Amino acid sequence: MNAVSTALSIDDDHRLAVHIATAAGRALNAIRASAVLAGKPLGALGDATANELIAGILARSRPEDGFLSEESAPDPKRLALDRVWIIDPLDGTREYGERLEGREDWAVHVALTVGGEPRACAVALPARGVTFGTLSPPELPPAPEGRLKILVSRSRAPKLALMVAQRLNAELVPMGSAGAKAMAVLRGEAHAYLHAGGQYEWDSCAPVGVALAAGLHASRIDRSPCLYNGADVSMPDLLICRREIAESMLAAIAAAQ
């Protein structure tokens, strides 16, 4: 049974999100393993292939729902809908393209929003062979020992993060993919993920949904909740962290601005 026919038999949104993210991840792994391409051409092929797979599954299994994807033309009809799927078929395209380096920090994001809130979400880390979802999020492991570890963008660590790190005597750890960074916090590999350099809804929606379901803190840096399916799909900033350090992180962010 292929990914589409299996999806048609899944009536639970949480299970469907996990199924789709996992199926797209398998497709991306297969492309990466067999391709002679690398760099931007490989990333473009992966983006297009995963997006087509995900869009096709949702069109057949949830035809009445809205759809927003980084790789598809925007459909304004979604703004009038309560249920909207927000997708990043390949988060961390640059890292995915670095095939010869064997980078693992790329992800697949699948999120159903209801009334603008993340509801049924999944983040696949295909290179690691794991998918995290809101259906049964893992129990949080103990926090890492030693200095506070804050994950930041691999390509552009925001000035704000540098100032926060100084205030908290924290270590900044660069990593690709918003999903990979969020799941690293969930896996107990870091204390926090801070971004203030500009993103879009598809970058954070699924990671935020999974993080909240697992018991992490997730919000905008001004403490407001992360809400989705807006007319403006930009999402300028994000904080995902362990709840026990949320207040100190937010206070340091406020003081640094």
C-alpha atoms as a PDB file:
ATOM      1  CA  MET A   1       0.000   0.000   0.000  1.00  0.00           C
ATOM      2  CA  ASN A   2       1.512   3.352  -1.021  1.00  0.00           C
ATOM      3  CA  ALA A   3       1.602   6.569   1.003  1.00  0.00           C
ATOM      4  CA  VAL A   4      -1.514   8.045  -0.625  1.00  0.00           C
ATOM      5  CA  SER A   5      -3.731   4.980  -0.265  1.00  0.00           C
ATOM      6  CA  THR A   6      -2.606   4.517   3.335  1.00  0.00           C
ATOM      7  CA  ALA A   7      -3.428   8.158   4.103  1.00  0.00           C
ATOM      8  CA  LEU A   8      -6.965   7.738   2.784  1.00  0.00           C
ATOM      9  CA  SER A   9      -7.631   5.206   5.551  1.00  0.00           C
ATOM     10  CA  ILE A  10      -6.389   7.483   8.352  1.00  0.00           C
ATOM     11  CA  ASP A  11      -9.192   9.433  10.024  1.00  0.00           C
ATOM     12  CA  ASP A  12      -7.125  10.879  12.893  1.00  0.00           C
ATOM     13  CA  ASP A  13      -5.406  14.169  12.032  1.00  0.00           C
ATOM     14  CA  HIS A  14      -2.492  13.544  14.392  1.00  0.00           C
ATOM     15  CA  ARG A  15      -1.737  10.151  12.843  1.00  0.00           C
ATOM     16  CA  LEU A  16      -2.109  11.621   9.370  1.00  0.00           C
ATOM     17  CA  ALA A  17       0.425  14.368  10.097  1.00  0.00           C
ATOM     18  CA  VAL A  18       2.965  11.789  11.272  1.00  0.00           C
ATOM     19  CA  HIS A  19       2.258   9.543   8.274  1.00  0.00           C
ATOM     20  CA  ILE A  20       2.729  12.375   5.784  1.00  0.00           C
ATOM     21  CA  ALA A  21       5.917  13.725   7.359  1.00  0.00           C
ATOM     22  CA  THR A  22       7.415  10.238   7.552  1.00  0.00           C
ATOM     23  CA  ALA A  23       6.486   9.402   3.946  1.00  0.00           C
ATOM     24  CA  ALA A  24       7.977  12.649   2.667  1.00  0.00           C
ATOM     25  CA  GLY A  25      11.105  12.001   4.717  1.00  0.00           C
ATOM     26  CA  ARG A  26      11.533   8.561   3.170  1.00  0.00           C
ATOM     27  CA  ALA A  27      11.212  10.064  -0.295  1.00  0.00           C
ATOM     28  CA  LEU A  28      13.809  12.702   0.542  1.00  0.00           C
ATOM     29  CA  ASN A  29      16.203  10.093   1.915  1.00  0.00           C
ATOM     30  CA  ALA A  30      15.835   8.030  -1.257  1.00  0.00           C
ATOM     31  CA  ILE A  31      16.543  11.025  -3.481  1.00  0.00           C
ATOM     32  CA  ARG A  32      19.547  12.040  -1.423  1.00  0.00           C
ATOM     33  CA  ALA A  33      20.980   8.512  -1.421  1.00  0.00           C
ATOM     34  CA  SER A  34      20.617   7.956  -5.157  1.00  0.00           C
ATOM     35  CA  ALA A  35      21.220  11.421  -6.568  1.00  0.00           C
ATOM     36  CA  VAL A  36      24.405  12.470  -8.291  1.00  0.00           C
ATOM     37  CA  LEU A  37      23.292  16.014  -7.542  1.00  0.00           C
ATOM     38  CA  ALA A  38      24.413  18.101  -4.598  1.00  0.00           C
ATOM     39  CA  GLY A  39      24.004  21.645  -3.348  1.00  0.00           C
ATOM     40  CA  LYS A  40      21.189  23.818  -4.675  1.00  0.00           C
ATOM     41  CA  PRO A  41      20.076  21.419  -7.475  1.00  0.00           C
ATOM     42  CA  LEU A  42      19.620  18.594  -4.961  1.00  0.00           C
ATOM     43  CA  GLY A  43      17.754  20.908  -2.595  1.00  0.00           C
ATOM     44  CA  ALA A  44      15.444  22.082  -5.365  1.00  0.00           C
ATOM     45  CA  LEU A  45      14.679  18.502  -6.409  1.00  0.00           C
ATOM     46  CA  GLY A  46      13.959  17.485  -2.828  1.00  0.00           C
ATOM     47  CA  ASP A  47      11.723  20.496  -2.214  1.00  0.00           C
ATOM     48  CA  ALA A  48       9.658  19.882  -5.343  1.00  0.00           C
ATOM     49  CA  THR A  49       9.323  16.130  -4.845  1.00  0.00           C
ATOM     50  CA  ALA A  50       8.323  16.306  -1.179  1.00  0.00           C
ATOM     51  CA  ASN A  51       5.891  19.151  -1.818  1.00  0.00           C
ATOM     52  CA  GLU A  52       4.162  17.245  -4.618  1.00  0.00           C
ATOM     53  CA  LEU A  53       3.845  14.159  -2.417  1.00  0.00           C
ATOM     54  CA  ILE A  54       2.424  16.069   0.555  1.00  0.00           C
ATOM     55  CA  ALA A  55       0.054  18.206  -1.512  1.00  0.00           C
ATOM     56  CA  GLY A  56      -1.244  15.116  -3.298  1.00  0.00           C
ATOM     57  CA  ILE A  57      -1.936  13.231  -0.074  1.00  0.00           C
ATOM     58  CA  LEU A  58      -3.766  16.164   1.514  1.00  0.00           C
ATOM     59  CA  ALA A  59      -5.780  16.908  -1.623  1.00  0.00           C
ATOM     60  CA  ARG A  60      -7.157  13.364  -1.527  1.00  0.00           C
ATOM     61  CA  SER A  61      -7.407  12.753   2.221  1.00  0.00           C
ATOM     62  CA  ARG A  62      -8.505  16.227   3.416  1.00  0.00           C
ATOM     63  CA  PRO A  63      -9.989  17.934   0.330  1.00  0.00           C
ATOM     64  CA  GLU A  64     -12.038  20.468   2.320  1.00  0.00           C
ATOM     65  CA  ASP A  65      -9.074  21.807   4.292  1.00  0.00           C
ATOM     66  CA  GLY A  66      -6.912  24.772   3.346  1.00  0.00           C
ATOM     67  CA  PHE A  67      -3.275  24.437   2.341  1.00  0.00           C
ATOM     68  CA  LEU A  68      -0.246  26.697   2.752  1.00  0.00           C
ATOM     69  CA  SER A  69       3.198  25.562   1.682  1.00  0.00           C
ATOM     70  CA  GLU A  70       6.519  27.246   1.103  1.00  0.00           C
ATOM     71  CA  GLU A  71       6.695  25.555  -2.295  1.00  0.00           C
ATOM     72  CA  SER A  72       3.134  26.144  -3.580  1.00  0.00           C
ATOM     73  CA  ALA A  73       1.398  29.228  -4.927  1.00  0.00           C
ATOM     74  CA  PRO A  74      -0.624  30.931  -2.158  1.00  0.00           C
ATOM     75  CA  ASP A  75      -4.354  30.227  -2.105  1.00  0.00           C
ATOM     76  CA  PRO A  76      -6.280  33.136  -0.516  1.00  0.00           C
ATOM     77  CA  LYS A  77      -9.277  30.855   0.093  1.00  0.00           C
ATOM     78  CA  ARG A  78      -7.444  29.451   3.114  1.00  0.00           C
ATOM     79  CA  LEU A  79      -8.057  32.718   5.002  1.00  0.00           C
ATOM     80  CA  ALA A  80     -11.769  31.918   5.235  1.00  0.00           C
ATOM     81  CA  LEU A  81     -11.180  28.365   6.477  1.00  0.00           C
ATOM     82  CA  ASP A  82     -10.880  27.157  10.059  1.00  0.00           C
ATOM     83  CA  ARG A  83      -8.740  24.108   9.213  1.00  0.00           C
ATOM     84  CA  VAL A  84      -5.544  24.819   7.285  1.00  0.00           C
ATOM     85  CA  TRP A  85      -2.492  22.623   6.768  1.00  0.00           C
ATOM     86  CA  ILE A  86       0.806  24.531   6.875  1.00  0.00           C
ATOM     87  CA  ILE A  87       3.700  22.696   5.286  1.00  0.00           C
ATOM     88  CA  ASP A  88       7.425  23.001   4.827  1.00  0.00           C
ATOM     89  CA  PRO A  89       8.279  19.992   2.655  1.00  0.00           C
ATOM     90  CA  LEU A  90      12.005  20.451   3.235  1.00  0.00           C
ATOM     91  CA  ASP A  91      13.150  22.709   6.043  1.00  0.00           C
ATOM     92  CA  GLY A  92      16.898  23.132   5.814  1.00  0.00           C
ATOM     93  CA  THR A  93      17.260  22.925   2.040  1.00  0.00           C
ATOM     94  CA  ARG A  94      20.875  24.070   2.248  1.00  0.00           C
ATOM     95  CA  GLU A  95      21.791  21.340   4.726  1.00  0.00           C
ATOM     96  CA  TYR A  96      19.926  18.712   2.688  1.00  0.00           C
ATOM     97  CA  GLY A  97      21.969  19.739  -0.341  1.00  0.00           C
ATOM     98  CA  GLU A  98      25.203  19.186   1.585  1.00  0.00           C
ATOM     99  CA  ARG A  99      24.936  15.487   0.841  1.00  0.00           C
ATOM    100  CA  LEU A 100      28.646  14.772   0.753  1.00  0.00           C
ATOM    101  CA  GLU A 101      29.084  16.325   4.193  1.00  0.00           C
ATOM    102  CA  GLY A 102      26.365  14.028   5.567  1.00  0.00           C
ATOM    103  CA  ARG A 103      24.486  16.789   7.385  1.00  0.00           C
ATOM    104  CA  GLU A 104      21.446  15.650   9.369  1.00  0.00           C
ATOM    105  CA  ASP A 105      19.969  19.035  10.349  1.00  0.00           C
ATOM    106  CA  TRP A 106      17.053  19.165   7.909  1.00  0.00           C
ATOM    107  CA  ALA A 107      13.414  18.291   8.454  1.00  0.00           C
ATOM    108  CA  VAL A 108       9.882  17.899   7.121  1.00  0.00           C
ATOM    109  CA  HIS A 109       7.132  20.005   8.738  1.00  0.00           C
ATOM    110  CA  VAL A 110       3.452  19.048   8.579  1.00  0.00           C
ATOM    111  CA  ALA A 111       0.949  21.000  10.691  1.00  0.00           C
ATOM    112  CA  LEU A 112      -2.819  21.284  10.830  1.00  0.00           C
ATOM    113  CA  THR A 113      -3.980  24.577  12.313  1.00  0.00           C
ATOM    114  CA  VAL A 114      -7.488  25.036  13.663  1.00  0.00           C
ATOM    115  CA  GLY A 115      -8.545  28.604  14.259  1.00  0.00           C
ATOM    116  CA  GLY A 116      -4.952  29.702  13.747  1.00  0.00           C
ATOM    117  CA  GLU A 117      -3.523  27.414  16.446  1.00  0.00           C
ATOM    118  CA  PRO A 118      -1.280  24.405  15.761  1.00  0.00           C
ATOM    119  CA  ARG A 119      -3.358  21.310  16.414  1.00  0.00           C
ATOM    120  CA  ALA A 120      -2.091  18.135  14.723  1.00  0.00           C
ATOM    121  CA  CYS A 121       1.598  18.450  13.898  1.00  0.00           C
ATOM    122  CA  ALA A 122       4.624  16.369  12.993  1.00  0.00           C
ATOM    123  CA  VAL A 123       8.299  17.076  12.433  1.00  0.00           C
ATOM    124  CA  ALA A 124      10.338  14.382  10.700  1.00  0.00           C
ATOM    125  CA  LEU A 125      14.117  14.231  10.935  1.00  0.00           C
ATOM    126  CA  PRO A 126      14.616  11.828   8.025  1.00  0.00           C
ATOM    127  CA  ALA A 127      18.401  11.579   8.260  1.00  0.00           C
ATOM    128  CA  ARG A 128      17.941  10.308  11.823  1.00  0.00           C
ATOM    129  CA  GLY A 129      14.965   8.116  10.944  1.00  0.00           C
ATOM    130  CA  VAL A 130      12.618   9.673  13.506  1.00  0.00           C
ATOM    131  CA  THR A 131       9.347  11.608  13.428  1.00  0.00           C
ATOM    132  CA  PHE A 132       7.957  13.565  16.372  1.00  0.00           C
ATOM    133  CA  GLY A 133       4.244  14.296  16.536  1.00  0.00           C
ATOM    134  CA  THR A 134       1.507  15.716  18.702  1.00  0.00           C
ATOM    135  CA  LEU A 135      -0.201  12.321  18.917  1.00  0.00           C
ATOM    136  CA  SER A 136       2.335  10.869  21.355  1.00  0.00           C
ATOM    137  CA  PRO A 137       5.164  13.319  22.033  1.00  0.00           C
ATOM    138  CA  PRO A 138       8.154  11.846  23.850  1.00  0.00           C
ATOM    139  CA  GLU A 139       8.773  12.451  27.522  1.00  0.00           C
ATOM    140  CA  LEU A 140      11.264  15.259  27.958  1.00  0.00           C
ATOM    141  CA  PRO A 141      14.706  14.030  29.039  1.00  0.00           C
ATOM    142  CA  PRO A 142      16.692  15.876  31.704  1.00  0.00           C
ATOM    143  CA  ALA A 143      18.161  19.212  30.687  1.00  0.00           C
ATOM    144  CA  PRO A 144      21.749  19.150  29.418  1.00  0.00           C
ATOM    145  CA  GLU A 145      24.404  19.611  32.070  1.00  0.00           C
ATOM    146  CA  GLY A 146      26.745  22.567  32.104  1.00  0.00           C
ATOM    147  CA  ARG A 147      26.279  25.973  30.498  1.00  0.00           C
ATOM    148  CA  LEU A 148      22.994  27.003  28.984  1.00  0.00           C
ATOM    149  CA  LYS A 149      22.951  25.974  25.316  1.00  0.00           C
ATOM    150  CA  ILE A 150      20.927  28.181  22.945  1.00  0.00           C
ATOM    151  CA  LEU A 151      20.467  27.002  19.363  1.00  0.00           C
ATOM    152  CA  VAL A 152      20.614  29.671  16.672  1.00  0.00           C
ATOM    153  CA  SER A 153      20.571  29.904  12.903  1.00  0.00           C
ATOM    154  CA  ARG A 154      23.577  28.384  11.228  1.00  0.00           C
ATOM    155  CA  SER A 155      23.645  31.104   8.589  1.00  0.00           C
ATOM    156  CA  ARG A 156      22.793  34.208  10.610  1.00  0.00           C
ATOM    157  CA  ALA A 157      22.895  34.190  14.407  1.00  0.00           C
ATOM    158  CA  PRO A 158      20.811  37.219  15.392  1.00  0.00           C
ATOM    159  CA  LYS A 159      22.457  40.048  17.315  1.00  0.00           C
ATOM    160  CA  LEU A 160      19.734  39.608  19.926  1.00  0.00           C
ATOM    161  CA  ALA A 161      20.914  36.053  20.610  1.00  0.00           C
ATOM    162  CA  LEU A 162      24.461  37.271  21.186  1.00  0.00           C
ATOM    163  CA  MET A 163      23.222  39.803  23.738  1.00  0.00           C
ATOM    164  CA  VAL A 164      21.013  37.231  25.478  1.00  0.00           C
ATOM    165  CA  ALA A 165      23.914  34.780  25.630  1.00  0.00           C
ATOM    166  CA  GLN A 166      26.101  37.400  27.289  1.00  0.00           C
ATOM    167  CA  ARG A 167      23.448  38.129  29.910  1.00  0.00           C
ATOM    168  CA  LEU A 168      22.884  34.459  30.719  1.00  0.00           C
ATOM    169  CA  ASN A 169      26.468  33.241  30.244  1.00  0.00           C
ATOM    170  CA  ALA A 170      25.103  30.885  27.610  1.00  0.00           C
ATOM    171  CA  GLU A 171      26.717  29.085  24.699  1.00  0.00           C
ATOM    172  CA  LEU A 172      25.323  29.736  21.210  1.00  0.00           C
ATOM    173  CA  VAL A 173      25.178  26.595  19.060  1.00  0.00           C
ATOM    174  CA  PRO A 174      24.592  27.067  15.305  1.00  0.00           C
ATOM    175  CA  MET A 175      22.371  24.514  13.563  1.00  0.00           C
ATOM    176  CA  GLY A 176      20.388  24.350  10.338  1.00  0.00           C
ATOM    177  CA  SER A 177      16.589  23.921  10.072  1.00  0.00           C
ATOM    178  CA  ALA A 178      14.073  25.342  12.517  1.00  0.00           C
ATOM    179  CA  GLY A 179      12.585  21.879  12.921  1.00  0.00           C
ATOM    180  CA  ALA A 180      15.946  20.304  13.696  1.00  0.00           C
ATOM    181  CA  LYS A 181      16.684  22.984  16.296  1.00  0.00           C
ATOM    182  CA  ALA A 182      13.274  22.670  17.964  1.00  0.00           C
ATOM    183  CA  MET A 183      13.550  18.883  18.117  1.00  0.00           C
ATOM    184  CA  ALA A 184      17.078  19.167  19.546  1.00  0.00           C
ATOM    185  CA  VAL A 185      15.552  21.017  22.508  1.00  0.00           C
ATOM    186  CA  LEU A 186      12.880  18.333  22.772  1.00  0.00           C
ATOM    187  CA  ARG A 187      15.557  15.616  22.691  1.00  0.00           C
ATOM    188  CA  GLY A 188      17.485  17.244  25.536  1.00  0.00           C
ATOM    189  CA  GLU A 189      20.433  18.267  23.356  1.00  0.00           C
ATOM    190  CA  ALA A 190      20.023  21.984  24.137  1.00  0.00           C
ATOM    191  CA  HIS A 191      18.058  24.225  26.496  1.00  0.00           C
ATOM    192  CA  ALA A 192      16.552  26.677  24.019  1.00  0.00           C
ATOM    193  CA  TYR A 193      16.102  27.740  20.409  1.00  0.00           C
ATOM    194  CA  LEU A 194      15.998  31.481  19.783  1.00  0.00           C
ATOM    195  CA  HIS A 195      15.325  33.133  16.436  1.00  0.00           C
ATOM    196  CA  ALA A 196      14.885  36.812  15.669  1.00  0.00           C
ATOM    197  CA  GLY A 197      16.034  37.094  12.072  1.00  0.00           C
ATOM    198  CA  GLY A 198      12.731  36.642  10.253  1.00  0.00           C
ATOM    199  CA  GLN A 199      10.891  33.453   9.314  1.00  0.00           C
ATOM    200  CA  TYR A 200       7.609  32.372   7.751  1.00  0.00           C
ATOM    201  CA  GLU A 201       4.682  30.415   9.133  1.00  0.00           C
ATOM    202  CA  TRP A 202       5.827  27.138   7.582  1.00  0.00           C
ATOM    203  CA  ASP A 203       9.192  27.423   9.326  1.00  0.00           C
ATOM    204  CA  SER A 204       7.764  27.290  12.839  1.00  0.00           C
ATOM    205  CA  CYS A 205       4.187  25.985  12.823  1.00  0.00           C
ATOM    206  CA  ALA A 206       4.840  22.244  13.094  1.00  0.00           C
ATOM    207  CA  PRO A 207       7.836  22.652  15.444  1.00  0.00           C
ATOM    208  CA  VAL A 208       5.784  24.901  17.746  1.00  0.00           C
ATOM    209  CA  GLY A 209       2.887  22.433  17.795  1.00  0.00           C
ATOM    210  CA  VAL A 210       5.114  19.484  18.661  1.00  0.00           C
ATOM    211  CA  ALA A 211       7.082  21.497  21.232  1.00  0.00           C
ATOM    212  CA  LEU A 212       3.937  22.614  23.054  1.00  0.00           C
ATOM    213  CA  ALA A 213       2.517  19.078  23.055  1.00  0.00           C
ATOM    214  CA  ALA A 214       5.753  17.813  24.603  1.00  0.00           C
ATOM    215  CA  GLY A 215       5.598  20.369  27.416  1.00  0.00           C
ATOM    216  CA  LEU A 216       8.111  22.916  26.165  1.00  0.00           C
ATOM    217  CA  HIS A 217       7.577  26.665  26.122  1.00  0.00           C
ATOM    218  CA  ALA A 218       6.948  28.152  22.663  1.00  0.00           C
ATOM    219  CA  SER A 219       6.059  31.773  21.949  1.00  0.00           C
ATOM    220  CA  ARG A 220       7.029  34.943  20.163  1.00  0.00           C
ATOM    221  CA  ILE A 221       9.846  36.812  21.900  1.00  0.00           C
ATOM    222  CA  ASP A 222       7.338  39.393  23.206  1.00  0.00           C
ATOM    223  CA  ARG A 223       5.566  36.529  25.058  1.00  0.00           C
ATOM    224  CA  SER A 224       2.585  36.491  22.680  1.00  0.00           C
ATOM    225  CA  PRO A 225       1.397  33.119  21.331  1.00  0.00           C
ATOM    226  CA  CYS A 226       2.402  31.865  17.905  1.00  0.00           C
ATOM    227  CA  LEU A 227      -0.693  32.126  15.705  1.00  0.00           C
ATOM    228  CA  TYR A 228      -0.958  31.002  12.101  1.00  0.00           C
ATOM    229  CA  ASN A 229      -2.899  31.211   8.833  1.00  0.00           C
ATOM    230  CA  GLY A 230      -2.591  34.978   8.629  1.00  0.00           C
ATOM    231  CA  ALA A 231      -2.812  37.120   5.529  1.00  0.00           C
ATOM    232  CA  ASP A 232       0.814  38.040   6.202  1.00  0.00           C
ATOM    233  CA  VAL A 233       2.694  34.756   6.512  1.00  0.00           C
ATOM    234  CA  SER A 234       5.832  36.264   8.042  1.00  0.00           C
ATOM    235  CA  MET A 235       6.790  35.150  11.550  1.00  0.00           C
ATOM    236  CA  PRO A 236       9.661  37.410  12.596  1.00  0.00           C
ATOM    237  CA  ASP A 237      10.785  35.702  15.792  1.00  0.00           C
ATOM    238  CA  LEU A 238      10.436  32.628  17.965  1.00  0.00           C
ATOM    239  CA  LEU A 239      11.470  31.169  21.306  1.00  0.00           C
ATOM    240  CA  ILE A 240      11.264  27.461  22.088  1.00  0.00           C
ATOM    241  CA  CYS A 241      12.785  26.391  25.388  1.00  0.00           C
ATOM    242  CA  ARG A 242      12.380  24.282  28.483  1.00  0.00           C
ATOM    243  CA  ARG A 243       9.664  25.708  30.705  1.00  0.00           C
ATOM    244  CA  GLU A 244      11.934  26.063  33.712  1.00  0.00           C
ATOM    245  CA  ILE A 245      14.095  28.628  31.904  1.00  0.00           C
ATOM    246  CA  ALA A 246      11.343  30.405  29.942  1.00  0.00           C
ATOM    247  CA  GLU A 247      11.033  33.325  32.346  1.00  0.00           C
ATOM    248  CA  SER A 248      14.774  33.963  32.507  1.00  0.00           C
ATOM    249  CA  MET A 249      15.052  33.702  28.712  1.00  0.00           C
ATOM    250  CA  LEU A 250      12.170  36.126  28.128  1.00  0.00           C
ATOM    251  CA  ALA A 251      13.513  38.571  30.713  1.00  0.00           C
ATOM    252  CA  ALA A 252      16.955  38.517  29.089  1.00  0.00           C
ATOM    253  CA  ILE A 253      15.378  39.044  25.664  1.00  0.00           C
ATOM    254  CA  ALA A 254      13.381  42.028  26.931  1.00  0.00           C
ATOM    255  CA  ALA A 255      16.449  43.553  28.567  1.00  0.00           C
ATOM    256  CA  ALA A 256      18.506  43.097  25.401  1.00  0.00           C
ATOM    257  CA  GLN A 257      16.062  44.914  23.129  1.00  0.00           C
END
